[in-house]
Amino acid sequence: VNGSEANEASQGQTVKVNATPAYGYELDKIEVYRSTNSATTVEVVNKSFVMPKYDVTVKVSFRKAASYDIIYGTATNGSFEARINGGKVYKAQSGDVVKVYTEPKDGYMVDDIVVVPNDSAIKDTITVTNGSFVMPEYAVQLYVGFKGEEFNVISAATTNGSFTVSQTKAAVGTWMQVIPKADNGWAVDKVYFTDANGDQVRITSSDFSFSMPARDTTIT
């Protein structure tokens, strides 16, 4: 009454019923009736009623809240899951904040997180902010895309010739090509790159191509 908790009210005062459901439940109904005769009911509008000239009993009922599917899309180069309070979920209630946890493979990073209605007839846009979204009142599909991180290509100093590389920076898995050019009277001997472990690996392909590792690589 007047913003304060109360167990009594004067006739004519407006009484607001604050009902807080536990997680997984929602408000079903609020009933108010004469304490000495449950058949004598008091009208409840917007969770409020006007106190009559007799004692009343307030009864609040809750029901299980509806939950909606979270349908996982297929991901490559990483994995992901939707969580609520740290636990993986396949369903959520409308209004729940769902956090998308991602785990890219080495050398990859999250490209985008997309949440769309499962029903193509629903044209709503579901916003993902800082890896989280608010569950709507319908099932959704969840997708996470991963892309290769870009790493530097470092050209070491050489003598009796020179070389160029097709790119100076590239994502993991990109096919790179080293183009050596020997000075007059000299020939190309060997070409190396450093792999994901930092080890020097000889490039044996005839066109001196190699797959970009998941780290900066040095060409010698």
Protein backbone atom coordinates (compact mmCIF):
# COMPACT_ATOMS: atom_id res chain seq x y z
CA VAL A 1 0.00 0.00 0.00
CA ASN A 2 1.51 3.34 -1.07
CA GLY A 3 4.68 1.48 -2.03
CA SER A 4 5.15 -0.28 1.31
CA GLU A 5 4.51 -3.87 2.34
CA ALA A 6 1.31 -4.13 4.36
CA ASN A 7 -0.97 -6.72 5.94
CA GLU A 8 -3.88 -4.33 6.40
CA ALA A 9 -5.45 -1.44 4.49
CA SER A 10 -8.26 1.06 4.90
CA GLN A 11 -11.45 0.77 2.92
CA GLY A 12 -11.02 2.44 -0.47
CA GLN A 13 -7.22 2.21 -0.55
CA THR A 14 -5.59 0.70 -3.63
CA VAL A 15 -3.57 -2.40 -2.83
CA LYS A 16 -0.84 -3.54 -5.24
CA VAL A 17 0.12 -7.22 -5.21
CA ASN A 18 3.80 -7.83 -5.95
CA ALA A 19 4.17 -11.42 -7.14
CA THR A 20 7.67 -12.74 -7.91
CA PRO A 21 7.78 -16.18 -9.56
CA ALA A 22 10.73 -18.51 -9.07
CA TYR A 23 12.88 -19.25 -12.11
CA GLY A 24 11.02 -21.52 -14.50
CA TYR A 25 7.62 -20.23 -13.43
CA GLU A 26 5.36 -17.32 -14.30
CA LEU A 27 2.37 -15.66 -12.68
CA ASP A 28 -0.85 -17.53 -13.33
CA LYS A 29 -3.46 -15.53 -11.42
CA ILE A 30 -4.15 -13.38 -8.40
CA GLU A 31 -7.35 -14.02 -6.49
CA VAL A 32 -8.81 -11.81 -3.73
CA TYR A 33 -11.87 -12.85 -1.76
CA ARG A 34 -13.63 -12.21 1.54
CA SER A 35 -11.83 -14.09 4.29
CA THR A 36 -15.07 -15.44 5.76
CA ASN A 37 -16.66 -16.31 2.41
CA SER A 38 -14.51 -17.25 -0.58
CA ALA A 39 -17.50 -16.87 -2.88
CA THR A 40 -17.35 -13.10 -2.34
CA THR A 41 -14.58 -12.02 -4.67
CA VAL A 42 -12.86 -8.70 -5.22
CA GLU A 43 -11.92 -7.57 -8.73
CA VAL A 44 -8.17 -7.49 -9.48
CA VAL A 45 -6.98 -5.21 -12.28
CA ASN A 46 -3.30 -4.96 -13.28
CA LYS A 47 -2.30 -6.76 -10.05
CA SER A 48 -4.18 -4.23 -7.91
CA PHE A 49 -7.50 -4.12 -6.07
CA VAL A 50 -9.48 -1.62 -4.00
CA MET A 51 -9.77 -2.61 -0.36
CA PRO A 52 -13.40 -3.36 0.60
CA LYS A 53 -14.93 -2.91 4.04
CA TYR A 54 -14.07 -6.42 5.16
CA ASP A 55 -11.00 -8.62 5.65
CA VAL A 56 -9.74 -10.27 2.51
CA THR A 57 -7.52 -13.17 1.59
CA VAL A 58 -5.04 -12.78 -1.30
CA LYS A 59 -4.14 -15.95 -3.19
CA VAL A 60 -1.38 -15.99 -5.83
CA SER A 61 -0.86 -18.93 -8.19
CA PHE A 62 2.13 -19.66 -10.41
CA ARG A 63 2.52 -22.00 -13.36
CA LYS A 64 5.48 -23.41 -15.26
CA ALA A 65 6.67 -20.84 -17.76
CA ALA A 66 6.80 -21.67 -21.44
CA SER A 67 10.27 -22.35 -22.83
CA TYR A 68 11.45 -22.24 -26.42
CA ASP A 69 14.05 -24.24 -28.35
CA ILE A 70 17.57 -23.02 -29.10
CA ILE A 71 18.59 -24.94 -32.22
CA TYR A 72 22.34 -25.19 -32.75
CA GLY A 73 23.78 -24.66 -36.21
CA THR A 74 26.86 -26.48 -37.50
CA ALA A 75 30.24 -24.83 -36.89
CA THR A 76 33.66 -25.43 -38.42
CA ASN A 77 37.02 -24.49 -36.94
CA GLY A 78 35.55 -24.11 -33.46
CA SER A 79 32.68 -24.97 -31.15
CA PHE A 80 30.05 -23.03 -29.21
CA GLU A 81 27.19 -23.40 -26.77
CA ALA A 82 24.39 -21.33 -25.30
CA ARG A 83 24.45 -20.96 -21.53
CA ILE A 84 22.24 -19.55 -18.79
CA ASN A 85 23.88 -19.05 -15.40
CA GLY A 86 26.90 -20.97 -16.68
CA GLY A 87 25.03 -24.10 -17.76
CA LYS A 88 24.52 -25.27 -21.33
CA VAL A 89 20.90 -24.99 -22.47
CA TYR A 90 18.79 -26.13 -25.41
CA LYS A 91 15.71 -24.19 -24.29
CA ALA A 92 15.09 -20.81 -22.66
CA GLN A 93 12.20 -18.72 -21.46
CA SER A 94 11.19 -15.46 -23.04
CA GLY A 95 13.26 -12.70 -21.46
CA ASP A 96 16.15 -14.95 -20.41
CA VAL A 97 19.60 -13.56 -21.16
CA VAL A 98 21.47 -16.26 -23.09
CA LYS A 99 25.27 -16.10 -23.23
CA VAL A 100 27.02 -17.68 -26.21
CA TYR A 101 30.34 -19.27 -25.24
CA THR A 102 32.79 -19.90 -28.08
CA GLU A 103 35.95 -21.96 -28.40
CA PRO A 104 37.83 -21.39 -31.66
CA LYS A 105 40.48 -23.85 -32.82
CA ASP A 106 44.09 -22.70 -32.65
CA GLY A 107 44.69 -20.02 -35.23
CA TYR A 108 41.02 -19.10 -35.53
CA MET A 109 38.78 -16.44 -34.03
CA VAL A 110 35.06 -15.68 -33.84
CA ASP A 111 33.80 -14.01 -37.00
CA ASP A 112 30.14 -13.53 -36.09
CA ILE A 113 27.32 -14.77 -33.87
CA VAL A 114 23.90 -14.90 -35.51
CA VAL A 115 20.53 -15.67 -33.90
CA VAL A 116 17.47 -15.95 -36.15
CA PRO A 117 13.85 -17.06 -35.66
CA ASN A 118 13.35 -20.76 -36.37
CA ASP A 119 10.10 -19.84 -38.12
CA SER A 120 10.99 -18.11 -41.39
CA ALA A 121 7.67 -16.28 -41.28
CA ILE A 122 8.94 -14.27 -38.30
CA LYS A 123 10.99 -11.34 -39.56
CA ASP A 124 12.29 -10.06 -36.21
CA THR A 125 15.92 -9.05 -35.82
CA ILE A 126 17.50 -10.60 -32.71
CA THR A 127 20.39 -8.49 -31.51
CA VAL A 128 23.54 -10.09 -30.09
CA THR A 129 25.47 -7.77 -27.77
CA ASN A 130 28.81 -8.77 -26.24
CA GLY A 131 28.05 -12.40 -27.03
CA SER A 132 24.58 -12.42 -25.40
CA PHE A 133 20.99 -12.18 -26.59
CA VAL A 134 17.56 -11.96 -24.97
CA MET A 135 15.39 -15.00 -25.70
CA PRO A 136 12.19 -14.09 -27.58
CA GLU A 137 8.81 -15.83 -27.35
CA TYR A 138 9.66 -18.37 -30.04
CA ALA A 139 12.31 -20.91 -31.01
CA VAL A 140 15.56 -19.63 -32.49
CA GLN A 141 18.50 -20.94 -34.50
CA LEU A 142 22.00 -20.10 -33.27
CA TYR A 143 25.03 -19.89 -35.55
CA VAL A 144 28.65 -19.00 -34.87
CA GLY A 145 31.16 -18.41 -37.65
CA PHE A 146 34.91 -18.70 -37.16
CA LYS A 147 37.63 -17.24 -39.34
CA GLY A 148 41.36 -17.68 -39.46
CA GLU A 149 43.46 -15.24 -37.52
CA GLU A 150 45.86 -13.27 -39.66
CA PHE A 151 49.58 -13.72 -39.07
CA ASN A 152 52.62 -11.91 -40.40
CA VAL A 153 54.99 -13.19 -43.05
CA ILE A 154 58.56 -12.13 -42.27
CA SER A 155 61.17 -12.16 -45.00
CA ALA A 156 64.66 -12.93 -43.70
CA ALA A 157 67.74 -11.37 -45.28
CA THR A 158 69.31 -13.36 -48.08
CA THR A 159 72.38 -13.16 -50.33
CA ASN A 160 73.01 -13.81 -54.02
CA GLY A 161 69.39 -13.25 -54.87
CA SER A 162 66.06 -12.02 -53.57
CA PHE A 163 62.51 -13.24 -53.10
CA THR A 164 58.98 -12.00 -52.63
CA VAL A 165 55.97 -13.63 -50.96
CA SER A 166 52.44 -13.58 -52.33
CA GLN A 167 51.13 -11.91 -49.15
CA THR A 168 52.74 -10.19 -46.18
CA LYS A 169 49.89 -11.18 -43.85
CA ALA A 170 47.43 -14.06 -44.14
CA ALA A 171 44.92 -16.19 -42.26
CA VAL A 172 45.79 -19.70 -41.14
CA GLY A 173 45.38 -22.21 -43.96
CA THR A 174 45.87 -19.66 -46.75
CA TRP A 175 48.06 -20.99 -49.56
CA MET A 176 51.14 -18.82 -49.82
CA GLN A 177 53.77 -18.71 -52.54
CA VAL A 178 57.41 -17.72 -52.29
CA ILE A 179 58.85 -16.32 -55.52
CA PRO A 180 62.65 -16.50 -55.42
CA LYS A 181 64.93 -14.79 -57.92
CA ALA A 182 68.60 -15.76 -58.02
CA ASP A 183 71.31 -13.35 -59.10
CA ASN A 184 73.21 -14.05 -62.34
CA GLY A 185 75.43 -17.06 -61.87
CA TRP A 186 73.45 -18.39 -58.93
CA ALA A 187 70.53 -20.80 -58.54
CA VAL A 188 67.83 -21.22 -55.94
CA ASP A 189 68.97 -23.76 -53.37
CA LYS A 190 66.40 -24.24 -50.60
CA VAL A 191 63.42 -22.28 -49.27
CA TYR A 192 62.10 -22.63 -45.70
CA PHE A 193 59.26 -21.35 -43.56
CA THR A 194 58.65 -21.68 -39.82
CA ASP A 195 55.65 -23.82 -38.89
CA ALA A 196 53.10 -23.51 -36.04
CA ASN A 197 55.66 -24.93 -33.59
CA GLY A 198 58.35 -22.49 -34.66
CA ASP A 199 60.32 -25.21 -36.44
CA GLN A 200 61.97 -24.54 -39.77
CA VAL A 201 60.35 -26.57 -42.58
CA ARG A 202 61.69 -26.88 -46.11
CA ILE A 203 59.23 -26.02 -48.89
CA THR A 204 59.46 -28.88 -51.36
CA SER A 205 56.69 -27.98 -53.83
CA SER A 206 57.85 -26.96 -57.28
CA ASP A 207 56.14 -23.58 -57.04
CA PHE A 208 57.41 -22.97 -53.48
CA SER A 209 53.90 -22.83 -51.99
CA PHE A 210 52.90 -23.68 -48.42
CA SER A 211 49.91 -23.42 -46.10
CA MET A 212 50.02 -20.48 -43.68
CA PRO A 213 50.57 -21.78 -40.13
CA ALA A 214 48.82 -20.54 -36.99
CA ARG A 215 51.57 -18.10 -36.10
CA ASP A 216 53.88 -15.54 -37.68
CA THR A 217 56.17 -17.28 -40.13
CA THR A 218 59.68 -16.43 -41.31
CA ILE A 219 60.78 -17.20 -44.87
CA THR A 220 64.48 -17.99 -45.46
